[in-house]
Amino acid sequence: MARPSVVLVVLPLAVLATLLATANAQDYTAPVPSPLPDTLSPPPPPPPQDYSTTTPPPASSPPPPSPPPPASSPPPPPPSPPPPMSSPPPPSPPPPASSPPPPSSPPPASSPPPPPPPASNWTPVANVNDPTIQQVAQFAVRIYALSTKELRMQLLSVISGETQPCDGGYNYRLVITVTGGKKTQYDAFVWGILGTMSWKLWSFTPHVV
C-alpha cells in the first residue's frame, strides 16, 4: 500500500513543472534583429599623426622642364627706301674773263644818234693798230652784228679814227672795214671808260666817202 502514495506525490510535481515551462514559453519572445542600415557608415577617421617626432622631408622632385621658347615671329618687312633726294642744281658757270668790254644793247633804231661834239675837241688817232683802238672797233662790230643778226660780220681793219674826252671817258669815232656784212666800210661811234664795264655803241652806219 505504500507505493501508490509515492506515485501520487510525484505526479503533481511533474505536472507543476510542465505548467511552469509552458507559461515561460508563452511569455518569451524572440529578439527582433535590428534592421540593416541602407548605406554603410564611413570608416572612422585615422588617428591624428604625432608631430613630436620629426620625419625626414620627402625627396624634392626635380623642377618641371621649362616650356619651349615661343616660335620666333617672322622678321618685319624691310623699311621702304627713302625717296630719292633731289639733286642740287648745277653750279652756274663762272663769268667769262673781262678782257674786252662787255657788249651793251644798241640804242633803238628809231632814236637818232647823239649830236656830234664840236670838232675842236677831237684828236686824231696816231696809231690805228693800238690795242685799245682795236678793242673798241671789235666791240662796235660785235654789238652791231648781234643786233642785226649778221653773225658772219667780222672786223678786218681800222682805217682812221678820232678820240674826244667825255663824261669821264672817251668818245671814239672810227672808220673800219669788215667782212661778212652788207657793206665793207662803216663809221662806228662808241663811248666808253677804259678799265670799266661802261661802254655804249651810239651809231654804226655805212661809211660815206
C-alpha atoms as a PDB file:
ATOM      1  CA  MET A   1       0.000   0.000   0.000  1.00  0.00           C
ATOM      2  CA  ALA A   2       2.940   2.321   0.443  1.00  0.00           C
ATOM      3  CA  ARG A   3       3.952   2.541  -3.323  1.00  0.00           C
ATOM      4  CA  PRO A   4       0.762   4.112  -4.584  1.00  0.00           C
ATOM      5  CA  SER A   5       1.176   7.073  -2.195  1.00  0.00           C
ATOM      6  CA  VAL A   6       4.588   7.913  -3.617  1.00  0.00           C
ATOM      7  CA  VAL A   7       3.296   7.957  -7.121  1.00  0.00           C
ATOM      8  CA  LEU A   8       0.610  10.391  -6.175  1.00  0.00           C
ATOM      9  CA  VAL A   9       3.174  12.821  -4.777  1.00  0.00           C
ATOM     10  CA  VAL A  10       5.470  12.614  -7.751  1.00  0.00           C
ATOM     11  CA  LEU A  11       2.796  13.176 -10.338  1.00  0.00           C
ATOM     12  CA  PRO A  12       1.717  16.571  -9.032  1.00  0.00           C
ATOM     13  CA  LEU A  13       5.318  17.840  -9.102  1.00  0.00           C
ATOM     14  CA  ALA A  14       5.769  16.760 -12.733  1.00  0.00           C
ATOM     15  CA  VAL A  15       2.547  18.415 -13.731  1.00  0.00           C
ATOM     16  CA  LEU A  16       3.583  21.633 -11.977  1.00  0.00           C
ATOM     17  CA  ALA A  17       6.930  21.701 -13.778  1.00  0.00           C
ATOM     18  CA  THR A  18       5.246  21.189 -17.118  1.00  0.00           C
ATOM     19  CA  LEU A  19       2.851  24.040 -16.492  1.00  0.00           C
ATOM     20  CA  LEU A  20       5.665  26.396 -15.497  1.00  0.00           C
ATOM     21  CA  ALA A  21       7.620  25.541 -18.609  1.00  0.00           C
ATOM     22  CA  THR A  22       4.615  26.188 -20.794  1.00  0.00           C
ATOM     23  CA  ALA A  23       3.950  29.528 -19.137  1.00  0.00           C
ATOM     24  CA  ASN A  24       7.552  30.627 -19.616  1.00  0.00           C
ATOM     25  CA  ALA A  25       7.450  29.565 -23.249  1.00  0.00           C
ATOM     26  CA  GLN A  26       4.399  31.729 -23.888  1.00  0.00           C
ATOM     27  CA  ASP A  27       5.904  34.781 -22.160  1.00  0.00           C
ATOM     28  CA  TYR A  28       9.265  34.547 -24.068  1.00  0.00           C
ATOM     29  CA  THR A  29       9.531  36.463 -27.367  1.00  0.00           C
ATOM     30  CA  ALA A  30      12.467  36.049 -29.583  1.00  0.00           C
ATOM     31  CA  PRO A  31      14.618  39.246 -30.016  1.00  0.00           C
ATOM     32  CA  VAL A  32      13.875  41.115 -33.254  1.00  0.00           C
ATOM     33  CA  PRO A  33      17.020  41.629 -35.301  1.00  0.00           C
ATOM     34  CA  SER A  34      17.899  45.276 -35.855  1.00  0.00           C
ATOM     35  CA  PRO A  35      17.308  46.461 -39.398  1.00  0.00           C
ATOM     36  CA  LEU A  36      20.326  46.769 -41.612  1.00  0.00           C
ATOM     37  CA  PRO A  37      21.338  50.342 -42.453  1.00  0.00           C
ATOM     38  CA  ASP A  38      20.679  51.482 -46.015  1.00  0.00           C
ATOM     39  CA  THR A  39      24.239  52.605 -46.512  1.00  0.00           C
ATOM     40  CA  LEU A  40      27.426  51.637 -44.864  1.00  0.00           C
ATOM     41  CA  SER A  41      28.729  54.219 -42.469  1.00  0.00           C
ATOM     42  CA  PRO A  42      32.146  55.659 -43.376  1.00  0.00           C
ATOM     43  CA  PRO A  43      35.115  54.196 -41.644  1.00  0.00           C
ATOM     44  CA  PRO A  44      36.358  56.052 -38.638  1.00  0.00           C
ATOM     45  CA  PRO A  45      38.963  58.750 -39.343  1.00  0.00           C
ATOM     46  CA  PRO A  46      42.576  57.765 -38.940  1.00  0.00           C
ATOM     47  CA  PRO A  47      44.201  58.666 -35.698  1.00  0.00           C
ATOM     48  CA  PRO A  48      45.988  62.033 -35.676  1.00  0.00           C
ATOM     49  CA  GLN A  49      49.638  61.934 -36.502  1.00  0.00           C
ATOM     50  CA  ASP A  50      52.121  62.509 -33.827  1.00  0.00           C
ATOM     51  CA  TYR A  51      54.187  65.566 -34.885  1.00  0.00           C
ATOM     52  CA  SER A  52      56.505  65.287 -31.945  1.00  0.00           C
ATOM     53  CA  THR A  53      58.811  63.061 -33.902  1.00  0.00           C
ATOM     54  CA  THR A  54      60.355  64.712 -36.948  1.00  0.00           C
ATOM     55  CA  THR A  55      60.239  62.765 -40.136  1.00  0.00           C
ATOM     56  CA  PRO A  56      62.715  63.392 -42.922  1.00  0.00           C
ATOM     57  CA  PRO A  57      61.302  65.623 -45.679  1.00  0.00           C
ATOM     58  CA  PRO A  58      60.402  63.839 -48.834  1.00  0.00           C
ATOM     59  CA  ALA A  59      62.946  63.973 -51.582  1.00  0.00           C
ATOM     60  CA  SER A  60      62.464  67.131 -53.655  1.00  0.00           C
ATOM     61  CA  SER A  61      61.070  66.366 -57.031  1.00  0.00           C
ATOM     62  CA  PRO A  62      63.065  67.733 -59.982  1.00  0.00           C
ATOM     63  CA  PRO A  63      61.822  71.095 -61.342  1.00  0.00           C
ATOM     64  CA  PRO A  64      59.458  70.811 -64.258  1.00  0.00           C
ATOM     65  CA  PRO A  65      61.101  71.313 -67.619  1.00  0.00           C
ATOM     66  CA  SER A  66      60.991  74.874 -68.892  1.00  0.00           C
ATOM     67  CA  PRO A  67      58.461  75.428 -71.644  1.00  0.00           C
ATOM     68  CA  PRO A  68      59.939  75.632 -75.109  1.00  0.00           C
ATOM     69  CA  PRO A  69      60.585  79.185 -76.366  1.00  0.00           C
ATOM     70  CA  PRO A  70      57.779  80.577 -78.477  1.00  0.00           C
ATOM     71  CA  ALA A  71      58.225  80.292 -82.161  1.00  0.00           C
ATOM     72  CA  SER A  72      60.018  83.350 -83.401  1.00  0.00           C
ATOM     73  CA  SER A  73      57.726  85.659 -85.258  1.00  0.00           C
ATOM     74  CA  PRO A  74      58.683  86.337 -88.872  1.00  0.00           C
ATOM     75  CA  PRO A  75      61.032  89.309 -89.256  1.00  0.00           C
ATOM     76  CA  PRO A  76      59.289  92.590 -90.052  1.00  0.00           C
ATOM     77  CA  PRO A  77      59.382  93.669 -93.680  1.00  0.00           C
ATOM     78  CA  PRO A  78      62.315  95.909 -94.570  1.00  0.00           C
ATOM     79  CA  PRO A  79      61.554  99.624 -94.404  1.00  0.00           C
ATOM     80  CA  SER A  80      60.659 101.273 -97.643  1.00  0.00           C
ATOM     81  CA  PRO A  81      63.594 103.097 -99.224  1.00  0.00           C
ATOM     82  CA  PRO A  82      63.590 106.844 -98.681  1.00  0.00           C
ATOM     83  CA  PRO A  83      62.531 108.965-101.595  1.00  0.00           C
ATOM     84  CA  PRO A  84      65.386 109.975-103.807  1.00  0.00           C
ATOM     85  CA  MET A  85      66.815 113.291-102.882  1.00  0.00           C
ATOM     86  CA  SER A  86      66.532 115.933-105.481  1.00  0.00           C
ATOM     87  CA  SER A  87      69.922 116.681-106.911  1.00  0.00           C
ATOM     88  CA  PRO A  88      71.073 120.256-106.350  1.00  0.00           C
ATOM     89  CA  PRO A  89      71.085 122.495-109.379  1.00  0.00           C
ATOM     90  CA  PRO A  90      74.385 122.568-111.222  1.00  0.00           C
ATOM     91  CA  PRO A  91      76.596 125.473-110.314  1.00  0.00           C
ATOM     92  CA  SER A  92      76.398 128.422-112.600  1.00  0.00           C
ATOM     93  CA  PRO A  93      79.349 128.696-114.955  1.00  0.00           C
ATOM     94  CA  PRO A  94      81.941 131.266-113.990  1.00  0.00           C
ATOM     95  CA  PRO A  95      81.686 134.571-115.783  1.00  0.00           C
ATOM     96  CA  PRO A  96      83.996 134.936-118.763  1.00  0.00           C
ATOM     97  CA  ALA A  97      87.194 136.839-118.363  1.00  0.00           C
ATOM     98  CA  SER A  98      86.577 140.521-118.824  1.00  0.00           C
ATOM     99  CA  SER A  99      89.264 141.156-121.384  1.00  0.00           C
ATOM    100  CA  PRO A 100      87.162 143.045-123.952  1.00  0.00           C
ATOM    101  CA  PRO A 101      84.484 145.471-122.848  1.00  0.00           C
ATOM    102  CA  PRO A 102      81.131 143.700-122.472  1.00  0.00           C
ATOM    103  CA  PRO A 103      78.585 144.224-125.207  1.00  0.00           C
ATOM    104  CA  SER A 104      75.732 146.521-124.477  1.00  0.00           C
ATOM    105  CA  SER A 105      72.419 146.771-126.217  1.00  0.00           C
ATOM    106  CA  PRO A 106      72.481 149.261-129.066  1.00  0.00           C
ATOM    107  CA  PRO A 107      70.117 152.193-128.992  1.00  0.00           C
ATOM    108  CA  PRO A 108      66.759 151.709-130.684  1.00  0.00           C
ATOM    109  CA  ALA A 109      66.869 152.187-134.424  1.00  0.00           C
ATOM    110  CA  SER A 110      64.217 154.877-134.203  1.00  0.00           C
ATOM    111  CA  SER A 111      66.240 157.042-131.804  1.00  0.00           C
ATOM    112  CA  PRO A 112      68.645 159.336-133.657  1.00  0.00           C
ATOM    113  CA  PRO A 113      72.339 159.253-132.711  1.00  0.00           C
ATOM    114  CA  PRO A 114      73.534 161.971-130.359  1.00  0.00           C
ATOM    115  CA  PRO A 115      74.760 165.132-131.984  1.00  0.00           C
ATOM    116  CA  PRO A 116      78.463 165.031-132.775  1.00  0.00           C
ATOM    117  CA  PRO A 117      80.626 167.015-130.391  1.00  0.00           C
ATOM    118  CA  PRO A 118      82.436 170.102-131.582  1.00  0.00           C
ATOM    119  CA  ALA A 119      85.247 169.296-133.967  1.00  0.00           C
ATOM    120  CA  SER A 120      87.737 171.302-131.972  1.00  0.00           C
ATOM    121  CA  ASN A 121      87.888 168.692-129.162  1.00  0.00           C
ATOM    122  CA  TRP A 122      88.646 165.695-131.409  1.00  0.00           C
ATOM    123  CA  THR A 123      92.137 164.275-131.512  1.00  0.00           C
ATOM    124  CA  PRO A 124      93.202 162.101-134.464  1.00  0.00           C
ATOM    125  CA  VAL A 125      94.295 158.565-133.614  1.00  0.00           C
ATOM    126  CA  ALA A 126      98.051 158.323-134.155  1.00  0.00           C
ATOM    127  CA  ASN A 127      98.205 154.500-134.299  1.00  0.00           C
ATOM    128  CA  VAL A 128      95.118 152.678-135.592  1.00  0.00           C
ATOM    129  CA  ASN A 129      96.725 149.353-134.614  1.00  0.00           C
ATOM    130  CA  ASP A 130      96.842 150.363-130.954  1.00  0.00           C
ATOM    131  CA  PRO A 131      95.298 147.568-128.818  1.00  0.00           C
ATOM    132  CA  THR A 132      92.794 149.998-127.284  1.00  0.00           C
ATOM    133  CA  ILE A 133      91.600 151.199-130.703  1.00  0.00           C
ATOM    134  CA  GLN A 134      91.375 147.612-131.983  1.00  0.00           C
ATOM    135  CA  GLN A 135      89.383 146.598-128.908  1.00  0.00           C
ATOM    136  CA  VAL A 136      86.914 149.469-129.368  1.00  0.00           C
ATOM    137  CA  ALA A 137      86.452 148.540-133.037  1.00  0.00           C
ATOM    138  CA  GLN A 138      85.872 144.854-132.151  1.00  0.00           C
ATOM    139  CA  PHE A 139      83.242 145.905-129.608  1.00  0.00           C
ATOM    140  CA  ALA A 140      81.392 148.024-132.185  1.00  0.00           C
ATOM    141  CA  VAL A 141      81.349 145.233-134.811  1.00  0.00           C
ATOM    142  CA  ARG A 142      80.171 142.582-132.335  1.00  0.00           C
ATOM    143  CA  ILE A 143      77.287 144.657-130.948  1.00  0.00           C
ATOM    144  CA  TYR A 144      76.080 145.623-134.425  1.00  0.00           C
ATOM    145  CA  ALA A 145      76.281 142.019-135.708  1.00  0.00           C
ATOM    146  CA  LEU A 146      74.227 140.730-132.752  1.00  0.00           C
ATOM    147  CA  SER A 147      71.562 143.408-133.123  1.00  0.00           C
ATOM    148  CA  THR A 148      71.147 142.905-136.898  1.00  0.00           C
ATOM    149  CA  LYS A 149      71.641 139.088-136.887  1.00  0.00           C
ATOM    150  CA  GLU A 150      74.583 139.492-139.274  1.00  0.00           C
ATOM    151  CA  LEU A 151      76.597 136.979-137.277  1.00  0.00           C
ATOM    152  CA  ARG A 152      79.194 136.458-140.007  1.00  0.00           C
ATOM    153  CA  MET A 153      80.389 140.054-139.789  1.00  0.00           C
ATOM    154  CA  GLN A 154      83.990 140.368-138.553  1.00  0.00           C
ATOM    155  CA  LEU A 155      86.419 143.255-138.162  1.00  0.00           C
ATOM    156  CA  LEU A 156      89.029 143.443-140.862  1.00  0.00           C
ATOM    157  CA  SER A 157      90.926 146.660-140.078  1.00  0.00           C
ATOM    158  CA  VAL A 158      90.684 150.216-138.723  1.00  0.00           C
ATOM    159  CA  ILE A 159      91.276 152.857-141.390  1.00  0.00           C
ATOM    160  CA  SER A 160      91.226 156.002-139.264  1.00  0.00           C
ATOM    161  CA  GLY A 161      89.861 157.380-136.023  1.00  0.00           C
ATOM    162  CA  GLU A 162      89.426 160.250-133.593  1.00  0.00           C
ATOM    163  CA  THR A 163      89.028 160.445-129.816  1.00  0.00           C
ATOM    164  CA  GLN A 164      87.436 163.004-127.525  1.00  0.00           C
ATOM    165  CA  PRO A 165      87.178 163.215-123.692  1.00  0.00           C
ATOM    166  CA  CYS A 166      83.567 162.923-122.479  1.00  0.00           C
ATOM    167  CA  ASP A 167      81.916 162.174-119.082  1.00  0.00           C
ATOM    168  CA  GLY A 168      84.993 160.632-117.503  1.00  0.00           C
ATOM    169  CA  GLY A 169      85.708 158.536-120.609  1.00  0.00           C
ATOM    170  CA  TYR A 170      86.217 158.986-124.319  1.00  0.00           C
ATOM    171  CA  ASN A 171      84.218 159.169-127.496  1.00  0.00           C
ATOM    172  CA  TYR A 172      85.638 157.079-130.327  1.00  0.00           C
ATOM    173  CA  ARG A 173      84.775 157.770-133.942  1.00  0.00           C
ATOM    174  CA  LEU A 174      86.310 155.131-136.175  1.00  0.00           C
ATOM    175  CA  VAL A 175      86.231 154.234-139.861  1.00  0.00           C
ATOM    176  CA  ILE A 176      86.525 150.451-140.163  1.00  0.00           C
ATOM    177  CA  THR A 177      86.360 147.734-142.798  1.00  0.00           C
ATOM    178  CA  VAL A 178      84.551 144.458-142.218  1.00  0.00           C
ATOM    179  CA  THR A 179      83.863 141.118-143.883  1.00  0.00           C
ATOM    180  CA  GLY A 180      80.565 139.250-143.978  1.00  0.00           C
ATOM    181  CA  GLY A 181      78.397 142.376-143.880  1.00  0.00           C
ATOM    182  CA  LYS A 182      76.187 144.160-146.323  1.00  0.00           C
ATOM    183  CA  LYS A 183      78.832 146.870-146.682  1.00  0.00           C
ATOM    184  CA  THR A 184      82.595 146.781-146.391  1.00  0.00           C
ATOM    185  CA  GLN A 185      83.199 150.142-144.618  1.00  0.00           C
ATOM    186  CA  TYR A 186      81.323 151.577-141.628  1.00  0.00           C
ATOM    187  CA  ASP A 187      81.502 154.598-139.343  1.00  0.00           C
ATOM    188  CA  ALA A 188      81.387 153.496-135.679  1.00  0.00           C
ATOM    189  CA  PHE A 189      80.610 155.938-132.855  1.00  0.00           C
ATOM    190  CA  VAL A 190      81.443 154.476-129.419  1.00  0.00           C
ATOM    191  CA  TRP A 191      81.648 155.892-125.889  1.00  0.00           C
ATOM    192  CA  GLY A 192      83.393 154.152-123.001  1.00  0.00           C
ATOM    193  CA  ILE A 193      85.622 154.326-119.948  1.00  0.00           C
ATOM    194  CA  LEU A 194      88.771 152.253-120.102  1.00  0.00           C
ATOM    195  CA  GLY A 195      89.038 149.547-117.428  1.00  0.00           C
ATOM    196  CA  THR A 196      85.298 149.572-116.630  1.00  0.00           C
ATOM    197  CA  MET A 197      82.099 147.910-117.855  1.00  0.00           C
ATOM    198  CA  SER A 198      80.670 151.202-119.128  1.00  0.00           C
ATOM    199  CA  TRP A 199      80.630 151.050-122.939  1.00  0.00           C
ATOM    200  CA  LYS A 200      77.984 152.095-125.454  1.00  0.00           C
ATOM    201  CA  LEU A 201      77.615 151.926-129.219  1.00  0.00           C
ATOM    202  CA  TRP A 202      75.943 155.161-130.269  1.00  0.00           C
ATOM    203  CA  SER A 203      75.868 154.501-134.013  1.00  0.00           C
ATOM    204  CA  PHE A 204      77.155 152.124-136.688  1.00  0.00           C
ATOM    205  CA  THR A 205      76.398 153.330-140.225  1.00  0.00           C
ATOM    206  CA  PRO A 206      77.804 152.643-143.681  1.00  0.00           C
ATOM    207  CA  HIS A 207      80.737 154.945-144.462  1.00  0.00           C
ATOM    208  CA  VAL A 208      80.043 157.692-146.986  1.00  0.00           C
ATOM    209  CA  VAL A 209      83.041 158.866-148.993  1.00  0.00           C
END
